[in-house]
């Protein structure tokens, strides 16, 4: 084998190794961030459900203490708005923590889409 053929094969090997390593690392990175996103969604789902249960206990306690239906309705309305804001913040937080290159890979933009995606993923597992 002459020098130029050996050099060409060596450089082709280096190039293919670089490309293969990059693709392997990129795939590993995608899987890692995907797992992190779903773990975060599971935590947020748990916290959201717990907040709803606590609110229901609060409304029952308000009713037991003699609060009017109007007061309970106002409290429910304020709590629902706060929960919606929290859900938006949670979703935007997940999206903003992703590297900019990977943000388009997220397949949800709001709470409902994220919960539907999480439910579908959990059914597959």
N, C-alpha and C. Protein backbone atom coordinates (compact mmCIF):
# COMPACT_ATOMS: atom_id res chain seq x y z
N UNK A 1 0.84 -1.16 0.00
CA UNK A 1 0.00 0.00 0.00
C UNK A 1 0.90 1.24 0.00
N UNK A 2 0.61 2.13 -0.91
CA UNK A 2 1.46 3.32 -0.99
C UNK A 2 1.04 4.35 0.06
N UNK A 3 1.81 5.38 0.20
CA UNK A 3 1.63 6.41 1.23
C UNK A 3 0.29 7.12 1.08
N UNK A 4 -0.10 7.50 -0.13
CA UNK A 4 -1.31 8.29 -0.34
C UNK A 4 -2.56 7.47 -0.05
N UNK A 5 -2.56 6.23 -0.37
CA UNK A 5 -3.70 5.37 -0.06
C UNK A 5 -3.83 5.21 1.46
N UNK A 6 -2.71 4.98 2.12
CA UNK A 6 -2.72 4.84 3.57
C UNK A 6 -3.20 6.13 4.24
N UNK A 7 -2.73 7.27 3.73
CA UNK A 7 -3.15 8.57 4.28
C UNK A 7 -4.64 8.78 4.06
N UNK A 8 -5.11 8.47 2.87
CA UNK A 8 -6.54 8.61 2.57
C UNK A 8 -7.38 7.72 3.48
N UNK A 9 -7.00 6.47 3.64
CA UNK A 9 -7.75 5.56 4.51
C UNK A 9 -7.71 6.02 5.97
N UNK A 10 -6.57 6.53 6.40
CA UNK A 10 -6.47 7.03 7.76
C UNK A 10 -7.40 8.22 7.97
N UNK A 11 -7.37 9.19 7.05
CA UNK A 11 -8.23 10.37 7.17
C UNK A 11 -9.70 10.01 7.05
N UNK A 12 -10.03 9.05 6.19
CA UNK A 12 -11.42 8.60 6.08
C UNK A 12 -11.86 7.95 7.38
N UNK A 13 -10.98 7.19 8.01
CA UNK A 13 -11.29 6.58 9.30
C UNK A 13 -11.50 7.62 10.39
N UNK A 14 -10.63 8.62 10.41
CA UNK A 14 -10.77 9.69 11.40
C UNK A 14 -12.09 10.42 11.19
N UNK A 15 -12.41 10.74 9.96
CA UNK A 15 -13.65 11.45 9.65
C UNK A 15 -14.88 10.60 10.02
N UNK A 16 -14.87 9.34 9.67
CA UNK A 16 -16.02 8.49 9.99
C UNK A 16 -16.14 8.30 11.51
N UNK A 17 -15.02 8.23 12.21
CA UNK A 17 -15.06 8.13 13.67
C UNK A 17 -15.67 9.40 14.27
N UNK A 18 -15.26 10.56 13.75
CA UNK A 18 -15.79 11.84 14.24
C UNK A 18 -17.30 11.92 14.01
N UNK A 19 -17.73 11.56 12.83
CA UNK A 19 -19.16 11.61 12.51
C UNK A 19 -19.94 10.62 13.37
N UNK A 20 -19.42 9.40 13.48
CA UNK A 20 -20.09 8.39 14.30
C UNK A 20 -20.17 8.80 15.76
N UNK A 21 -19.11 9.35 16.29
CA UNK A 21 -19.10 9.81 17.69
C UNK A 21 -20.09 10.94 17.90
N UNK A 22 -20.14 11.87 16.95
CA UNK A 22 -21.07 12.99 17.05
C UNK A 22 -22.50 12.48 17.04
N UNK A 23 -22.83 11.59 16.12
CA UNK A 23 -24.19 11.07 16.04
C UNK A 23 -24.55 10.28 17.30
N UNK A 24 -23.62 9.48 17.79
CA UNK A 24 -23.87 8.72 19.01
C UNK A 24 -24.10 9.66 20.18
N UNK A 25 -23.26 10.68 20.33
CA UNK A 25 -23.40 11.62 21.43
C UNK A 25 -24.70 12.40 21.31
N UNK A 26 -25.05 12.83 20.10
CA UNK A 26 -26.28 13.59 19.87
C UNK A 26 -27.49 12.74 20.23
N UNK A 27 -27.49 11.48 19.84
CA UNK A 27 -28.60 10.59 20.16
C UNK A 27 -28.69 10.38 21.67
N UNK A 28 -27.56 10.18 22.30
CA UNK A 28 -27.53 10.00 23.75
C UNK A 28 -28.05 11.26 24.45
N UNK A 29 -27.67 12.41 23.94
CA UNK A 29 -28.12 13.67 24.50
C UNK A 29 -29.64 13.82 24.34
N UNK A 30 -30.16 13.47 23.18
CA UNK A 30 -31.61 13.54 22.95
C UNK A 30 -32.36 12.64 23.93
N UNK A 31 -31.89 11.43 24.10
CA UNK A 31 -32.55 10.50 25.01
C UNK A 31 -32.49 11.00 26.45
N UNK A 32 -31.38 11.57 26.85
CA UNK A 32 -31.24 12.10 28.20
C UNK A 32 -32.22 13.24 28.45
N UNK A 33 -32.27 14.20 27.55
CA UNK A 33 -33.17 15.34 27.73
C UNK A 33 -34.63 14.92 27.65
N UNK A 34 -34.93 13.95 26.80
CA UNK A 34 -36.29 13.44 26.71
C UNK A 34 -36.71 12.80 28.03
N UNK A 35 -35.83 12.00 28.62
CA UNK A 35 -36.13 11.39 29.91
C UNK A 35 -36.29 12.45 31.00
N UNK A 36 -35.46 13.47 30.97
CA UNK A 36 -35.57 14.56 31.95
C UNK A 36 -36.90 15.29 31.81
N UNK A 37 -37.32 15.54 30.58
CA UNK A 37 -38.59 16.24 30.35
C UNK A 37 -39.76 15.42 30.89
N UNK A 38 -39.76 14.12 30.62
CA UNK A 38 -40.87 13.31 31.10
C UNK A 38 -40.83 13.13 32.62
N UNK A 39 -39.66 13.07 33.20
CA UNK A 39 -39.57 13.00 34.66
C UNK A 39 -40.11 14.29 35.28
N UNK A 40 -39.78 15.41 34.68
CA UNK A 40 -40.30 16.70 35.17
C UNK A 40 -41.81 16.76 35.02
N UNK A 41 -42.32 16.27 33.90
CA UNK A 41 -43.78 16.28 33.70
C UNK A 41 -44.48 15.41 34.73
N UNK A 42 -43.89 14.27 35.05
CA UNK A 42 -44.50 13.40 36.07
C UNK A 42 -44.55 14.10 37.42
N UNK A 43 -43.47 14.79 37.77
CA UNK A 43 -43.44 15.52 39.04
C UNK A 43 -44.48 16.63 39.03
N UNK A 44 -44.54 17.39 37.95
CA UNK A 44 -45.51 18.48 37.86
C UNK A 44 -46.94 17.95 37.89
N UNK A 45 -47.18 16.82 37.25
CA UNK A 45 -48.52 16.22 37.28
C UNK A 45 -48.89 15.85 38.71
N UNK A 46 -47.97 15.23 39.43
CA UNK A 46 -48.23 14.86 40.82
C UNK A 46 -48.52 16.10 41.67
N UNK A 47 -47.72 17.13 41.52
CA UNK A 47 -47.91 18.36 42.30
C UNK A 47 -49.24 19.02 41.95
N UNK A 48 -49.58 19.03 40.66
CA UNK A 48 -50.86 19.62 40.25
C UNK A 48 -52.05 18.88 40.83
N UNK A 49 -51.99 17.55 40.81
CA UNK A 49 -53.09 16.76 41.38
C UNK A 49 -53.16 16.95 42.89
N UNK A 50 -52.03 17.04 43.54
CA UNK A 50 -52.02 17.26 44.98
C UNK A 50 -52.60 18.63 45.31
N UNK A 51 -52.28 19.64 44.50
CA UNK A 51 -52.82 20.98 44.74
C UNK A 51 -54.34 20.98 44.58
N UNK A 52 -54.85 20.24 43.60
CA UNK A 52 -56.31 20.16 43.42
C UNK A 52 -56.97 19.49 44.63
N UNK A 53 -56.35 18.45 45.15
CA UNK A 53 -56.91 17.77 46.32
C UNK A 53 -56.89 18.67 47.55
N UNK A 54 -55.81 19.41 47.72
CA UNK A 54 -55.72 20.34 48.85
C UNK A 54 -56.78 21.43 48.72
N UNK A 55 -56.99 21.91 47.51
CA UNK A 55 -58.02 22.93 47.29
C UNK A 55 -59.40 22.39 47.62
N UNK A 56 -59.68 21.14 47.24
CA UNK A 56 -60.98 20.55 47.57
C UNK A 56 -61.17 20.46 49.08
N UNK A 57 -60.12 20.10 49.80
CA UNK A 57 -60.20 20.08 51.27
C UNK A 57 -60.45 21.48 51.82
N UNK A 58 -59.81 22.45 51.21
CA UNK A 58 -59.99 23.84 51.65
C UNK A 58 -61.44 24.28 51.44
N UNK A 59 -62.03 23.93 50.29
CA UNK A 59 -63.42 24.33 50.03
C UNK A 59 -64.38 23.63 50.98
N UNK A 60 -64.11 22.36 51.29
CA UNK A 60 -64.95 21.64 52.24
C UNK A 60 -64.85 22.28 53.62
N UNK A 61 -63.64 22.67 54.00
CA UNK A 61 -63.45 23.32 55.30
C UNK A 61 -64.14 24.68 55.32
N UNK A 62 -64.05 25.41 54.23
CA UNK A 62 -64.73 26.72 54.16
C UNK A 62 -66.24 26.54 54.32
N UNK A 63 -66.77 25.51 53.66
CA UNK A 63 -68.22 25.25 53.75
C UNK A 63 -68.60 24.86 55.18
N UNK A 64 -67.75 24.04 55.81
CA UNK A 64 -68.01 23.60 57.18
C UNK A 64 -67.98 24.78 58.14
N UNK A 65 -67.12 25.75 57.87
CA UNK A 65 -67.00 26.92 58.76
C UNK A 65 -68.07 27.97 58.50
N UNK A 66 -68.89 27.74 57.48
CA UNK A 66 -70.01 28.65 57.24
C UNK A 66 -69.75 29.72 56.20
N UNK A 67 -68.78 29.52 55.34
CA UNK A 67 -68.53 30.50 54.28
C UNK A 67 -69.66 30.43 53.26
N UNK A 68 -69.98 31.56 52.68
CA UNK A 68 -71.06 31.59 51.70
C UNK A 68 -70.59 30.94 50.39
N UNK A 69 -71.57 30.55 49.59
CA UNK A 69 -71.26 29.93 48.29
C UNK A 69 -70.50 30.90 47.39
N UNK A 70 -70.82 32.18 47.53
CA UNK A 70 -70.14 33.20 46.72
C UNK A 70 -68.65 33.29 47.10
N UNK A 71 -68.34 33.24 48.39
CA UNK A 71 -66.95 33.26 48.83
C UNK A 71 -66.20 32.03 48.34
N UNK A 72 -66.85 30.88 48.44
CA UNK A 72 -66.23 29.63 47.98
C UNK A 72 -66.00 29.70 46.47
N UNK A 73 -66.97 30.23 45.73
CA UNK A 73 -66.84 30.35 44.28
C UNK A 73 -65.68 31.28 43.92
N UNK A 74 -65.57 32.41 44.62
CA UNK A 74 -64.46 33.33 44.36
C UNK A 74 -63.12 32.66 44.64
N UNK A 75 -63.05 31.92 45.73
CA UNK A 75 -61.81 31.23 46.09
C UNK A 75 -61.46 30.17 45.04
N UNK A 76 -62.47 29.43 44.59
CA UNK A 76 -62.25 28.41 43.55
C UNK A 76 -61.74 29.06 42.27
N UNK A 77 -62.35 30.16 41.90
CA UNK A 77 -61.95 30.86 40.68
C UNK A 77 -60.50 31.35 40.78
N UNK A 78 -60.15 31.92 41.92
CA UNK A 78 -58.78 32.40 42.11
C UNK A 78 -57.78 31.23 42.10
N UNK A 79 -58.17 30.13 42.72
CA UNK A 79 -57.29 28.96 42.76
C UNK A 79 -57.10 28.35 41.37
N UNK A 80 -58.17 28.30 40.59
CA UNK A 80 -58.07 27.76 39.23
C UNK A 80 -57.16 28.62 38.36
N UNK A 81 -57.29 29.94 38.50
CA UNK A 81 -56.42 30.85 37.74
C UNK A 81 -54.97 30.66 38.15
N UNK A 82 -54.74 30.53 39.45
CA UNK A 82 -53.37 30.34 39.94
C UNK A 82 -52.79 29.03 39.44
N UNK A 83 -53.60 27.98 39.42
CA UNK A 83 -53.14 26.68 38.94
C UNK A 83 -52.83 26.74 37.45
N UNK A 84 -53.64 27.46 36.69
CA UNK A 84 -53.38 27.60 35.25
C UNK A 84 -52.08 28.35 35.00
N UNK A 85 -51.84 29.40 35.77
CA UNK A 85 -50.59 30.15 35.65
C UNK A 85 -49.41 29.27 36.01
N UNK A 86 -49.55 28.50 37.08
CA UNK A 86 -48.49 27.58 37.49
C UNK A 86 -48.20 26.55 36.41
N UNK A 87 -49.24 26.03 35.77
CA UNK A 87 -49.06 25.05 34.71
C UNK A 87 -48.31 25.66 33.52
N UNK A 88 -48.67 26.88 33.16
CA UNK A 88 -47.97 27.57 32.06
C UNK A 88 -46.50 27.79 32.41
N UNK A 89 -46.24 28.18 33.65
CA UNK A 89 -44.86 28.40 34.09
C UNK A 89 -44.09 27.09 34.07
N UNK A 90 -44.72 26.02 34.49
CA UNK A 90 -44.06 24.71 34.51
C UNK A 90 -43.67 24.28 33.09
N UNK A 91 -44.58 24.42 32.14
CA UNK A 91 -44.30 24.02 30.76
C UNK A 91 -43.23 24.92 30.15
N UNK A 92 -43.34 26.22 30.36
CA UNK A 92 -42.32 27.11 29.80
C UNK A 92 -40.97 26.88 30.47
N UNK A 93 -40.98 26.50 31.75
CA UNK A 93 -39.73 26.19 32.44
C UNK A 93 -39.04 24.99 31.84
N UNK A 94 -39.81 23.94 31.55
CA UNK A 94 -39.22 22.76 30.91
C UNK A 94 -38.65 23.13 29.55
N UNK A 95 -39.42 23.89 28.79
CA UNK A 95 -38.96 24.26 27.44
C UNK A 95 -37.71 25.14 27.49
N UNK A 96 -37.65 26.04 28.45
CA UNK A 96 -36.50 26.95 28.53
C UNK A 96 -35.25 26.28 29.07
N UNK A 97 -35.41 25.20 29.81
CA UNK A 97 -34.24 24.49 30.31
C UNK A 97 -33.59 23.59 29.26
N UNK A 98 -34.33 23.31 28.20
CA UNK A 98 -33.77 22.52 27.10
C UNK A 98 -32.78 23.38 26.31
N UNK A 99 -31.75 22.77 25.79
CA UNK A 99 -30.84 23.53 24.91
C UNK A 99 -31.62 24.04 23.69
N UNK A 100 -31.31 25.23 23.22
CA UNK A 100 -32.06 25.80 22.10
C UNK A 100 -32.16 24.88 20.87
N UNK A 101 -31.11 24.10 20.62
CA UNK A 101 -31.15 23.19 19.46
C UNK A 101 -32.19 22.09 19.63
N UNK A 102 -32.48 21.72 20.87
CA UNK A 102 -33.37 20.60 21.13
C UNK A 102 -34.81 21.00 21.41
N UNK A 103 -35.07 22.27 21.59
CA UNK A 103 -36.44 22.72 21.91
C UNK A 103 -37.47 22.33 20.86
N UNK A 104 -37.13 22.37 19.58
CA UNK A 104 -38.14 21.94 18.59
C UNK A 104 -38.53 20.47 18.71
N UNK A 105 -37.72 19.67 19.40
CA UNK A 105 -38.02 18.25 19.55
C UNK A 105 -39.16 18.01 20.54
N UNK A 106 -39.42 18.98 21.43
CA UNK A 106 -40.51 18.82 22.38
C UNK A 106 -41.83 18.85 21.62
N UNK A 107 -42.68 17.90 21.92
CA UNK A 107 -43.92 17.77 21.16
C UNK A 107 -45.12 18.32 21.93
N UNK A 108 -44.88 19.24 22.84
CA UNK A 108 -45.99 19.85 23.57
C UNK A 108 -45.72 21.34 23.73
N UNK A 109 -46.82 22.09 23.77
CA UNK A 109 -46.72 23.54 23.94
C UNK A 109 -47.53 24.04 25.12
N UNK A 110 -48.44 23.20 25.63
CA UNK A 110 -49.23 23.61 26.78
C UNK A 110 -49.46 22.41 27.69
N UNK A 111 -50.14 22.65 28.80
CA UNK A 111 -50.32 21.63 29.82
C UNK A 111 -51.12 20.43 29.30
N UNK A 112 -52.19 20.69 28.57
CA UNK A 112 -53.03 19.60 28.09
C UNK A 112 -52.26 18.68 27.14
N UNK A 113 -51.52 19.27 26.23
CA UNK A 113 -50.72 18.47 25.30
C UNK A 113 -49.67 17.65 26.05
N UNK A 114 -49.05 18.26 27.03
CA UNK A 114 -48.01 17.57 27.81
C UNK A 114 -48.60 16.40 28.59
N UNK A 115 -49.75 16.60 29.21
CA UNK A 115 -50.37 15.53 29.98
C UNK A 115 -50.86 14.41 29.06
N UNK A 116 -51.39 14.76 27.90
CA UNK A 116 -51.81 13.73 26.93
C UNK A 116 -50.61 12.91 26.46
N UNK A 117 -49.52 13.59 26.18
CA UNK A 117 -48.30 12.91 25.75
C UNK A 117 -47.76 12.01 26.87
N UNK A 118 -47.78 12.49 28.09
CA UNK A 118 -47.31 11.71 29.23
C UNK A 118 -48.19 10.48 29.45
N UNK A 119 -49.48 10.65 29.34
CA UNK A 119 -50.41 9.52 29.50
C UNK A 119 -50.17 8.47 28.41
N UNK A 120 -50.02 8.92 27.18
CA UNK A 120 -49.77 7.98 26.08
C UNK A 120 -48.44 7.25 26.27
N UNK A 121 -47.43 7.96 26.72
CA UNK A 121 -46.12 7.33 26.94
C UNK A 121 -46.19 6.30 28.06
N UNK A 122 -46.93 6.64 29.13
CA UNK A 122 -47.06 5.70 30.25
C UNK A 122 -47.85 4.45 29.86
N UNK A 123 -48.80 4.60 28.95
CA UNK A 123 -49.56 3.44 28.48
C UNK A 123 -48.68 2.48 27.69
N UNK A 124 -47.73 3.04 26.95
CA UNK A 124 -46.84 2.21 26.13
C UNK A 124 -45.85 1.43 26.98
N UNK A 125 -45.48 1.99 28.13
CA UNK A 125 -44.47 1.34 28.97
C UNK A 125 -45.02 0.22 29.78
